[in-house]
Structures are given as structure tokens and as C-alpha cells.
Amino acid sequence: MKHAKKALDILWELSVKRRDHYRCKVCGSEGTDAHHILSRRNSGVRWMLDNGITLCRECHVKATDKRIVFEVSNDIRAASRVICKFSEDDFDRLRKMFKKYLAQPGVE
């Protein structure tokens, strides 16, 4: 299970960065980090792309220190209140979804 979570974290990170064209959404510089807007401890939103934003290292440090705050949609906020227990089938479904997303040409 731990391996499946780590693999999904990597696929989520790659998907967020690709969606954001590898640019920091705050300052426009090279985006090196995918940041969870709401903590990844919230299992209901851990792998939702809308809960991620690409940041440069400097902006990521500021966001982690709460010096940069992001708006959270009502959908993400509601999903964050749900406690999810993921099965192996759930992990497999999410992994396939991310791989399909990453395989698409020109994803934005």
C-alpha cells in the first residue's frame, strides 16, 4: 500500500506540473515543485489535480510557510472533509487515470 501511494504521488506531481506547463503559477519562473493547496493528509483530495499547483522552489517555501495562500474551490473544500480508504483497485484505477492523462499530447 505504501508503494502504491508513493507511485501515485509521483504521477500526481508529474500531472500537475505538465498541466501548468512546468511554470510557477505565482512568479512564472521554472516550476520545480507540485504543491498541495490543501494538505495531502486530506485523503479525499490528495490526488485531485485541482488541489495542486506548480511552484518554483522559492514560492513553494513561501506557500509551505503560509506566506502565500491560495483560494480553494468549494468542491475541493467539500472533498477534503471526506475520509477515504483506498483499496488496491482504487490505487490501480488512479494510476491508470494519471498514466492516460500524461500520455495525451498537449495536455493543459
Protein backbone atom coordinates (compact mmCIF):
# COMPACT_ATOMS: atom_id res chain seq x y z
CA MET A 1 0.00 0.00 0.00
CA LYS A 2 2.82 2.41 0.85
CA HIS A 3 4.45 1.76 -2.55
CA ALA A 4 1.13 2.43 -4.31
CA LYS A 5 0.73 5.79 -2.52
CA LYS A 6 4.27 6.86 -3.41
CA ALA A 7 3.74 5.87 -7.06
CA LEU A 8 0.50 7.90 -7.17
CA ASP A 9 2.22 10.87 -5.52
CA ILE A 10 4.82 10.85 -8.32
CA LEU A 11 2.18 10.54 -11.06
CA TRP A 12 0.12 13.33 -9.44
CA GLU A 13 3.20 15.57 -9.28
CA LEU A 14 4.05 14.96 -12.93
CA SER A 15 0.44 15.59 -13.95
CA VAL A 16 0.20 18.89 -12.03
CA LYS A 17 3.49 20.15 -13.49
CA ARG A 18 2.52 19.14 -17.01
CA ARG A 19 -0.89 20.78 -16.70
CA ASP A 20 0.83 24.00 -15.58
CA HIS A 21 3.45 23.79 -18.37
CA TYR A 22 6.26 23.38 -15.81
CA ARG A 23 5.92 27.07 -14.81
CA CYS A 24 5.45 28.51 -11.35
CA LYS A 25 1.86 29.77 -11.15
CA VAL A 26 2.93 32.56 -8.77
CA CYS A 27 6.02 34.14 -10.34
CA GLY A 28 6.23 32.48 -13.78
CA SER A 29 9.70 31.01 -13.34
CA GLU A 30 10.55 27.33 -13.87
CA GLY A 31 8.15 25.19 -11.88
CA THR A 32 10.11 22.61 -9.93
CA ASP A 33 7.58 21.56 -7.27
CA ALA A 34 3.96 20.41 -7.23
CA HIS A 35 2.29 21.84 -4.13
CA HIS A 36 -0.87 20.51 -2.46
CA ILE A 37 -3.15 23.50 -1.86
CA LEU A 38 -4.87 21.59 0.93
CA SER A 39 -2.64 19.16 2.78
CA ARG A 40 -2.18 15.74 1.23
CA ARG A 41 -3.18 14.35 4.62
CA ASN A 42 -6.74 15.08 3.43
CA SER A 43 -7.25 11.72 1.72
CA GLY A 44 -10.29 12.97 -0.21
CA VAL A 45 -8.18 15.46 -2.19
CA ARG A 46 -4.67 14.01 -2.06
CA TRP A 47 -4.62 13.05 -5.75
CA MET A 48 -7.08 15.60 -7.17
CA LEU A 49 -5.35 17.72 -9.81
CA ASP A 50 -7.40 20.76 -8.79
CA ASN A 51 -5.76 20.51 -5.36
CA GLY A 52 -2.33 21.01 -6.91
CA ILE A 53 -0.35 23.93 -8.23
CA THR A 54 3.12 24.12 -9.76
CA LEU A 55 5.56 26.36 -7.92
CA CYS A 56 9.24 27.22 -8.07
CA ARG A 57 11.28 26.26 -5.00
CA GLU A 58 11.17 29.79 -3.53
CA CYS A 59 7.39 30.14 -3.89
CA HIS A 60 6.91 26.60 -2.55
CA VAL A 61 8.79 27.52 0.63
CA LYS A 62 6.61 30.62 0.99
CA ALA A 63 3.43 28.58 0.42
CA THR A 64 4.52 25.97 2.95
CA ASP A 65 5.17 28.76 5.47
CA LYS A 66 1.70 30.19 4.66
CA ARG A 67 3.21 33.41 3.27
CA ILE A 68 1.34 32.62 0.03
CA VAL A 69 -2.27 31.49 0.36
CA PHE A 70 -4.35 30.03 -2.47
CA GLU A 71 -8.08 30.13 -2.98
CA VAL A 72 -9.79 26.79 -2.56
CA SER A 73 -12.87 25.91 -4.58
CA ASN A 74 -15.99 24.75 -2.78
CA ASP A 75 -15.65 21.34 -4.49
CA ILE A 76 -12.12 20.84 -3.16
CA ARG A 77 -13.08 22.07 0.30
CA ALA A 78 -16.04 19.66 0.42
CA ALA A 79 -13.94 16.74 -0.83
CA SER A 80 -11.32 17.47 1.81
CA ARG A 81 -13.88 16.68 4.51
CA VAL A 82 -14.28 13.12 3.23
CA ILE A 83 -12.10 10.43 4.75
CA CYS A 84 -11.22 7.94 2.03
CA LYS A 85 -9.95 4.42 2.46
CA PHE A 86 -8.36 3.29 -0.79
CA SER A 87 -8.32 -0.31 -1.94
CA GLU A 88 -5.74 -1.82 -4.28
CA ASP A 89 -8.34 -1.48 -7.07
CA ASP A 90 -8.69 2.24 -6.29
CA PHE A 91 -4.92 2.71 -6.49
CA ASP A 92 -4.84 0.83 -9.79
CA ARG A 93 -7.70 2.93 -11.22
CA LEU A 94 -5.98 6.19 -10.20
CA ARG A 95 -2.64 5.03 -11.58
CA LYS A 96 -4.25 4.21 -14.94
CA MET A 97 -6.06 7.57 -14.98
CA PHE A 98 -2.82 9.52 -14.40
CA LYS A 99 -0.89 7.49 -16.97
CA LYS A 100 -3.63 8.07 -19.54
CA TYR A 101 -3.59 11.79 -18.76
CA LEU A 102 0.18 12.00 -19.08
CA ALA A 103 0.12 10.11 -22.38
CA GLN A 104 -2.18 12.65 -24.03
CA PRO A 105 -0.45 15.07 -26.39
CA GLY A 106 -0.72 18.74 -25.46
CA VAL A 107 -2.48 18.33 -22.13
CA GLU A 108 -3.14 21.66 -20.42
